[in-house]
Amino acid sequence: MIWLIGLGGALGAAARYLISDFIKNRYTALFPLGTWIVNLTGSFLLGLLAGLYLENGISDGLWLFWGAGFCGAFTTFSTFGHETVSLLQSGEVKTAGGYVAASIVTGIGAAAFGLWI
């Protein structure tokens, strides 16, 4: 089972990098939009998968691969933290606060919506 988590994690990490990089190179925003979108979609997907798993809609293997592996590596709290500190260090206190608030509120909301579906 550990291999399922590792394989899912490898795909999740690669997807996070590619999506974040794509967004960062094409769009300008007040805060790190790529990380925010990745974390928002990952939260929704994990909520959806958790709901399916809790209702026996997916197997243990699928939960480990997609939930623990893919979503675990796709979403990134460490990058979110680093980007927030970077905003603070550059004097962007309001932007950093907005980024934190938007990330927490929408992330929890997306996870709850995914679970609800």
N, C-alpha and C. Protein backbone atom coordinates (compact mmCIF):
# COMPACT_ATOMS: atom_id res chain seq x y z
N MET A 1 0.81 -1.20 0.00
CA MET A 1 0.00 0.00 0.00
C MET A 1 0.85 1.27 0.00
N ILE A 2 2.02 1.22 0.60
CA ILE A 2 2.88 2.40 0.65
C ILE A 2 3.28 2.85 -0.75
N TRP A 3 3.36 1.90 -1.68
CA TRP A 3 3.71 2.23 -3.06
C TRP A 3 2.60 3.02 -3.74
N LEU A 4 1.36 2.74 -3.37
CA LEU A 4 0.25 3.51 -3.93
C LEU A 4 0.34 4.97 -3.49
N ILE A 5 0.68 5.19 -2.23
CA ILE A 5 0.82 6.55 -1.72
C ILE A 5 1.99 7.25 -2.42
N GLY A 6 3.11 6.54 -2.55
CA GLY A 6 4.28 7.11 -3.20
C GLY A 6 4.04 7.46 -4.66
N LEU A 7 3.38 6.58 -5.38
CA LEU A 7 3.08 6.86 -6.80
C LEU A 7 2.11 8.02 -6.94
N GLY A 8 1.08 8.02 -6.11
CA GLY A 8 0.12 9.14 -6.12
C GLY A 8 0.81 10.44 -5.75
N GLY A 9 1.70 10.37 -4.76
CA GLY A 9 2.44 11.55 -4.35
C GLY A 9 3.34 12.10 -5.44
N ALA A 10 3.98 11.21 -6.17
CA ALA A 10 4.84 11.65 -7.27
C ALA A 10 4.02 12.40 -8.32
N LEU A 11 2.86 11.88 -8.66
CA LEU A 11 1.99 12.55 -9.63
C LEU A 11 1.47 13.87 -9.08
N GLY A 12 1.10 13.87 -7.81
CA GLY A 12 0.58 15.09 -7.19
C GLY A 12 1.61 16.20 -7.15
N ALA A 13 2.84 15.86 -6.78
CA ALA A 13 3.91 16.86 -6.71
C ALA A 13 4.21 17.42 -8.10
N ALA A 14 4.25 16.55 -9.09
CA ALA A 14 4.52 17.01 -10.46
C ALA A 14 3.38 17.89 -10.96
N ALA A 15 2.14 17.49 -10.69
CA ALA A 15 0.99 18.29 -11.11
C ALA A 15 1.01 19.65 -10.42
N ARG A 16 1.33 19.69 -9.14
CA ARG A 16 1.40 20.97 -8.42
C ARG A 16 2.42 21.89 -9.06
N TYR A 17 3.59 21.37 -9.32
CA TYR A 17 4.63 22.19 -9.92
C TYR A 17 4.20 22.73 -11.28
N LEU A 18 3.70 21.85 -12.13
CA LEU A 18 3.32 22.26 -13.48
C LEU A 18 2.19 23.28 -13.48
N ILE A 19 1.18 23.06 -12.66
CA ILE A 19 0.04 23.99 -12.62
C ILE A 19 0.45 25.32 -12.02
N SER A 20 1.17 25.30 -10.90
CA SER A 20 1.61 26.55 -10.27
C SER A 20 2.52 27.34 -11.20
N ASP A 21 3.44 26.66 -11.85
CA ASP A 21 4.36 27.32 -12.77
C ASP A 21 3.62 27.92 -13.96
N PHE A 22 2.66 27.17 -14.50
CA PHE A 22 1.86 27.65 -15.63
C PHE A 22 1.14 28.94 -15.25
N ILE A 23 0.49 28.94 -14.10
CA ILE A 23 -0.27 30.11 -13.66
C ILE A 23 0.66 31.28 -13.36
N LYS A 24 1.75 31.02 -12.66
CA LYS A 24 2.70 32.08 -12.29
C LYS A 24 3.28 32.77 -13.52
N ASN A 25 3.54 32.00 -14.58
CA ASN A 25 4.15 32.56 -15.78
C ASN A 25 3.17 33.25 -16.71
N ARG A 26 1.88 33.10 -16.47
CA ARG A 26 0.90 33.67 -17.39
C ARG A 26 -0.01 34.74 -16.78
N TYR A 27 -0.10 34.76 -15.47
CA TYR A 27 -1.01 35.68 -14.81
C TYR A 27 -0.29 36.43 -13.70
N THR A 28 -0.60 37.69 -13.58
CA THR A 28 -0.08 38.45 -12.45
C THR A 28 -1.21 38.66 -11.47
N ALA A 29 -0.89 38.57 -10.21
CA ALA A 29 -1.89 38.74 -9.16
C ALA A 29 -1.22 39.37 -7.96
N LEU A 30 -2.04 39.85 -7.04
CA LEU A 30 -1.52 40.46 -5.82
C LEU A 30 -0.86 39.45 -4.90
N PHE A 31 -1.32 38.21 -4.96
CA PHE A 31 -0.76 37.16 -4.12
C PHE A 31 -0.46 35.95 -4.98
N PRO A 32 0.22 34.94 -4.45
CA PRO A 32 0.62 33.76 -5.24
C PRO A 32 -0.59 32.95 -5.72
N LEU A 33 -1.10 33.32 -6.87
CA LEU A 33 -2.32 32.73 -7.42
C LEU A 33 -2.17 31.24 -7.71
N GLY A 34 -1.02 30.82 -8.20
CA GLY A 34 -0.81 29.41 -8.54
C GLY A 34 -0.96 28.50 -7.33
N THR A 35 -0.30 28.85 -6.25
CA THR A 35 -0.40 28.04 -5.02
C THR A 35 -1.82 28.06 -4.48
N TRP A 36 -2.46 29.23 -4.53
CA TRP A 36 -3.82 29.35 -4.03
C TRP A 36 -4.77 28.44 -4.82
N ILE A 37 -4.67 28.46 -6.14
CA ILE A 37 -5.55 27.62 -6.98
C ILE A 37 -5.27 26.15 -6.73
N VAL A 38 -4.01 25.77 -6.65
CA VAL A 38 -3.67 24.37 -6.38
C VAL A 38 -4.23 23.93 -5.04
N ASN A 39 -4.03 24.73 -4.00
CA ASN A 39 -4.53 24.35 -2.68
C ASN A 39 -6.05 24.33 -2.63
N LEU A 40 -6.70 25.24 -3.34
CA LEU A 40 -8.16 25.26 -3.39
C LEU A 40 -8.70 24.02 -4.10
N THR A 41 -8.16 23.69 -5.25
CA THR A 41 -8.64 22.51 -5.97
C THR A 41 -8.28 21.22 -5.24
N GLY A 42 -7.10 21.20 -4.63
CA GLY A 42 -6.71 20.02 -3.85
C GLY A 42 -7.60 19.81 -2.64
N SER A 43 -7.99 20.90 -1.98
CA SER A 43 -8.90 20.79 -0.83
C SER A 43 -10.26 20.25 -1.27
N PHE A 44 -10.76 20.77 -2.39
CA PHE A 44 -12.03 20.27 -2.92
C PHE A 44 -11.93 18.78 -3.27
N LEU A 45 -10.88 18.41 -3.98
CA LEU A 45 -10.71 17.02 -4.38
C LEU A 45 -10.59 16.10 -3.17
N LEU A 46 -9.83 16.51 -2.17
CA LEU A 46 -9.68 15.68 -0.98
C LEU A 46 -11.01 15.55 -0.24
N GLY A 47 -11.78 16.64 -0.16
CA GLY A 47 -13.11 16.55 0.45
C GLY A 47 -14.01 15.59 -0.30
N LEU A 48 -13.98 15.68 -1.63
CA LEU A 48 -14.79 14.78 -2.46
C LEU A 48 -14.37 13.32 -2.27
N LEU A 49 -13.07 13.08 -2.29
CA LEU A 49 -12.56 11.72 -2.09
C LEU A 49 -12.89 11.19 -0.70
N ALA A 50 -12.77 12.05 0.31
CA ALA A 50 -13.08 11.63 1.68
C ALA A 50 -14.55 11.24 1.79
N GLY A 51 -15.41 12.02 1.17
CA GLY A 51 -16.83 11.67 1.17
C GLY A 51 -17.10 10.33 0.51
N LEU A 52 -16.45 10.11 -0.62
CA LEU A 52 -16.61 8.82 -1.31
C LEU A 52 -16.07 7.68 -0.47
N TYR A 53 -14.92 7.89 0.13
CA TYR A 53 -14.30 6.84 0.94
C TYR A 53 -15.15 6.51 2.16
N LEU A 54 -15.66 7.53 2.82
CA LEU A 54 -16.47 7.32 4.02
C LEU A 54 -17.78 6.60 3.71
N GLU A 55 -18.28 6.77 2.48
CA GLU A 55 -19.51 6.10 2.06
C GLU A 55 -19.24 4.81 1.30
N ASN A 56 -18.00 4.33 1.38
CA ASN A 56 -17.57 3.11 0.69
C ASN A 56 -17.74 3.19 -0.82
N GLY A 57 -17.57 4.41 -1.35
CA GLY A 57 -17.68 4.62 -2.79
C GLY A 57 -16.38 4.38 -3.53
N ILE A 58 -15.27 4.35 -2.80
CA ILE A 58 -13.98 4.02 -3.41
C ILE A 58 -13.23 3.07 -2.48
N SER A 59 -12.34 2.31 -3.06
CA SER A 59 -11.59 1.30 -2.31
C SER A 59 -10.48 1.94 -1.47
N ASP A 60 -9.92 1.15 -0.57
CA ASP A 60 -8.78 1.60 0.21
C ASP A 60 -7.62 2.00 -0.70
N GLY A 61 -7.39 1.24 -1.74
CA GLY A 61 -6.30 1.53 -2.66
C GLY A 61 -6.47 2.86 -3.37
N LEU A 62 -7.68 3.14 -3.84
CA LEU A 62 -7.94 4.42 -4.50
C LEU A 62 -7.81 5.58 -3.51
N TRP A 63 -8.29 5.37 -2.29
CA TRP A 63 -8.17 6.41 -1.27
C TRP A 63 -6.69 6.71 -0.98
N LEU A 64 -5.88 5.66 -0.83
CA LEU A 64 -4.46 5.86 -0.55
C LEU A 64 -3.75 6.54 -1.72
N PHE A 65 -4.04 6.11 -2.94
CA PHE A 65 -3.39 6.69 -4.11
C PHE A 65 -3.79 8.14 -4.31
N TRP A 66 -5.10 8.40 -4.39
CA TRP A 66 -5.59 9.75 -4.71
C TRP A 66 -5.66 10.66 -3.49
N GLY A 67 -6.12 10.16 -2.36
CA GLY A 67 -6.27 10.99 -1.17
C GLY A 67 -4.96 11.26 -0.48
N ALA A 68 -4.37 10.21 0.09
CA ALA A 68 -3.12 10.37 0.84
C ALA A 68 -1.96 10.73 -0.08
N GLY A 69 -1.87 10.07 -1.23
CA GLY A 69 -0.74 10.28 -2.13
C GLY A 69 -0.86 11.54 -2.97
N PHE A 70 -1.77 11.52 -3.93
CA PHE A 70 -1.89 12.64 -4.86
C PHE A 70 -2.22 13.95 -4.16
N CYS A 71 -3.31 13.97 -3.40
CA CYS A 71 -3.71 15.23 -2.74
C CYS A 71 -2.71 15.66 -1.69
N GLY A 72 -2.11 14.70 -0.99
CA GLY A 72 -1.12 15.04 0.02
C GLY A 72 0.08 15.76 -0.57
N ALA A 73 0.49 15.37 -1.75
CA ALA A 73 1.64 16.02 -2.39
C ALA A 73 1.22 17.19 -3.28
N PHE A 74 -0.01 17.17 -3.75
CA PHE A 74 -0.51 18.24 -4.63
C PHE A 74 -0.68 19.55 -3.86
N THR A 75 -1.33 19.47 -2.72
CA THR A 75 -1.49 20.67 -1.90
C THR A 75 -0.21 20.93 -1.14
N THR A 76 0.02 22.17 -0.78
CA THR A 76 1.31 22.49 -0.19
C THR A 76 1.22 23.60 0.84
N PHE A 77 1.27 23.21 2.09
CA PHE A 77 1.26 24.18 3.17
C PHE A 77 2.60 24.88 3.31
N SER A 78 3.68 24.17 3.03
CA SER A 78 5.01 24.76 3.17
C SER A 78 5.22 25.91 2.17
N THR A 79 4.79 25.73 0.94
CA THR A 79 4.92 26.81 -0.05
C THR A 79 4.03 27.98 0.32
N PHE A 80 2.82 27.68 0.78
CA PHE A 80 1.92 28.73 1.25
C PHE A 80 2.58 29.53 2.37
N GLY A 81 3.19 28.87 3.32
CA GLY A 81 3.88 29.54 4.41
C GLY A 81 5.04 30.38 3.93
N HIS A 82 5.83 29.82 3.05
CA HIS A 82 7.00 30.54 2.50
C HIS A 82 6.55 31.79 1.73
N GLU A 83 5.54 31.65 0.91
CA GLU A 83 5.06 32.79 0.13
C GLU A 83 4.47 33.87 1.03
N THR A 84 3.80 33.48 2.10
CA THR A 84 3.25 34.44 3.05
C THR A 84 4.38 35.21 3.73
N VAL A 85 5.40 34.51 4.18
CA VAL A 85 6.55 35.17 4.82
C VAL A 85 7.25 36.10 3.82
N SER A 86 7.38 35.68 2.58
CA SER A 86 8.00 36.53 1.56
C SER A 86 7.21 37.82 1.35
N LEU A 87 5.89 37.71 1.33
CA LEU A 87 5.06 38.91 1.21
C LEU A 87 5.27 39.83 2.40
N LEU A 88 5.32 39.26 3.59
CA LEU A 88 5.54 40.07 4.80
C LEU A 88 6.91 40.75 4.77
N GLN A 89 7.93 40.01 4.35
CA GLN A 89 9.27 40.57 4.29
C GLN A 89 9.39 41.71 3.29
N SER A 90 8.57 41.66 2.25
CA SER A 90 8.62 42.73 1.25
C SER A 90 7.66 43.87 1.59
N GLY A 91 7.09 43.83 2.79
CA GLY A 91 6.22 44.92 3.25
C GLY A 91 4.78 44.84 2.79
N GLU A 92 4.41 43.75 2.18
CA GLU A 92 3.05 43.56 1.66
C GLU A 92 2.17 42.94 2.74
N VAL A 93 1.98 43.64 3.84
CA VAL A 93 1.27 43.09 4.99
C VAL A 93 -0.20 42.83 4.68
N LYS A 94 -0.86 43.78 4.03
CA LYS A 94 -2.28 43.59 3.68
C LYS A 94 -2.47 42.45 2.68
N THR A 95 -1.57 42.39 1.72
CA THR A 95 -1.65 41.31 0.73
C THR A 95 -1.43 39.96 1.41
N ALA A 96 -0.46 39.89 2.30
CA ALA A 96 -0.20 38.64 3.03
C ALA A 96 -1.41 38.24 3.86
N GLY A 97 -2.02 39.20 4.55
CA GLY A 97 -3.22 38.92 5.34
C GLY A 97 -4.37 38.44 4.48
N GLY A 98 -4.54 39.09 3.33
CA GLY A 98 -5.60 38.66 2.40
C GLY A 98 -5.35 37.27 1.85
N TYR A 99 -4.09 36.99 1.56
CA TYR A 99 -3.71 35.67 1.04
C TYR A 99 -4.01 34.58 2.07
N VAL A 100 -3.63 34.85 3.32
CA VAL A 100 -3.89 33.88 4.40
C VAL A 100 -5.39 33.69 4.58
N ALA A 101 -6.14 34.79 4.67
CA ALA A 101 -7.59 34.68 4.87
C ALA A 101 -8.26 33.97 3.70
N ALA A 102 -7.90 34.35 2.48
CA ALA A 102 -8.50 33.72 1.30
C ALA A 102 -8.16 32.24 1.23
N SER A 103 -6.93 31.90 1.58
CA SER A 103 -6.52 30.49 1.54
C SER A 103 -7.28 29.65 2.56
N ILE A 104 -7.39 30.15 3.77
CA ILE A 104 -8.05 29.39 4.83
C ILE A 104 -9.54 29.27 4.57
N VAL A 105 -10.19 30.39 4.29
CA VAL A 105 -11.65 30.38 4.10
C VAL A 105 -12.05 29.55 2.88
N THR A 106 -11.40 29.81 1.75
CA THR A 106 -11.79 29.07 0.54
C THR A 106 -11.34 27.61 0.60
N GLY A 107 -10.19 27.35 1.23
CA GLY A 107 -9.72 25.96 1.34
C GLY A 107 -10.67 25.12 2.17
N ILE A 108 -11.08 25.64 3.31
CA ILE A 108 -12.04 24.91 4.16
C ILE A 108 -13.39 24.81 3.46
N GLY A 109 -13.79 25.88 2.83
CA GLY A 109 -15.06 25.85 2.09
C GLY A 109 -15.05 24.84 0.95
N ALA A 110 -13.95 24.80 0.22
CA ALA A 110 -13.84 23.83 -0.89
C ALA A 110 -13.84 22.40 -0.39
N ALA A 111 -13.13 22.15 0.72
CA ALA A 111 -13.11 20.80 1.29
C ALA A 111 -14.50 20.41 1.77
N ALA A 112 -15.19 21.33 2.42
CA ALA A 112 -16.55 21.06 2.92
C ALA A 112 -17.50 20.82 1.74
N PHE A 113 -17.36 21.61 0.68
CA PHE A 113 -18.23 21.43 -0.49
C PHE A 113 -17.97 20.07 -1.14
N GLY A 114 -16.70 19.71 -1.28
CA GLY A 114 -16.36 18.40 -1.85
C GLY A 114 -16.92 17.27 -1.01
N LEU A 115 -16.82 17.38 0.29
CA LEU A 115 -17.35 16.36 1.20
C LEU A 115 -18.87 16.29 1.09
N TRP A 116 -19.50 17.45 0.98
CA TRP A 116 -20.96 17.52 0.88
C TRP A 116 -21.48 16.86 -0.40
N ILE A 117 -20.76 17.06 -1.50
CA ILE A 117 -21.18 16.47 -2.79
C ILE A 117 -21.21 14.97 -2.65
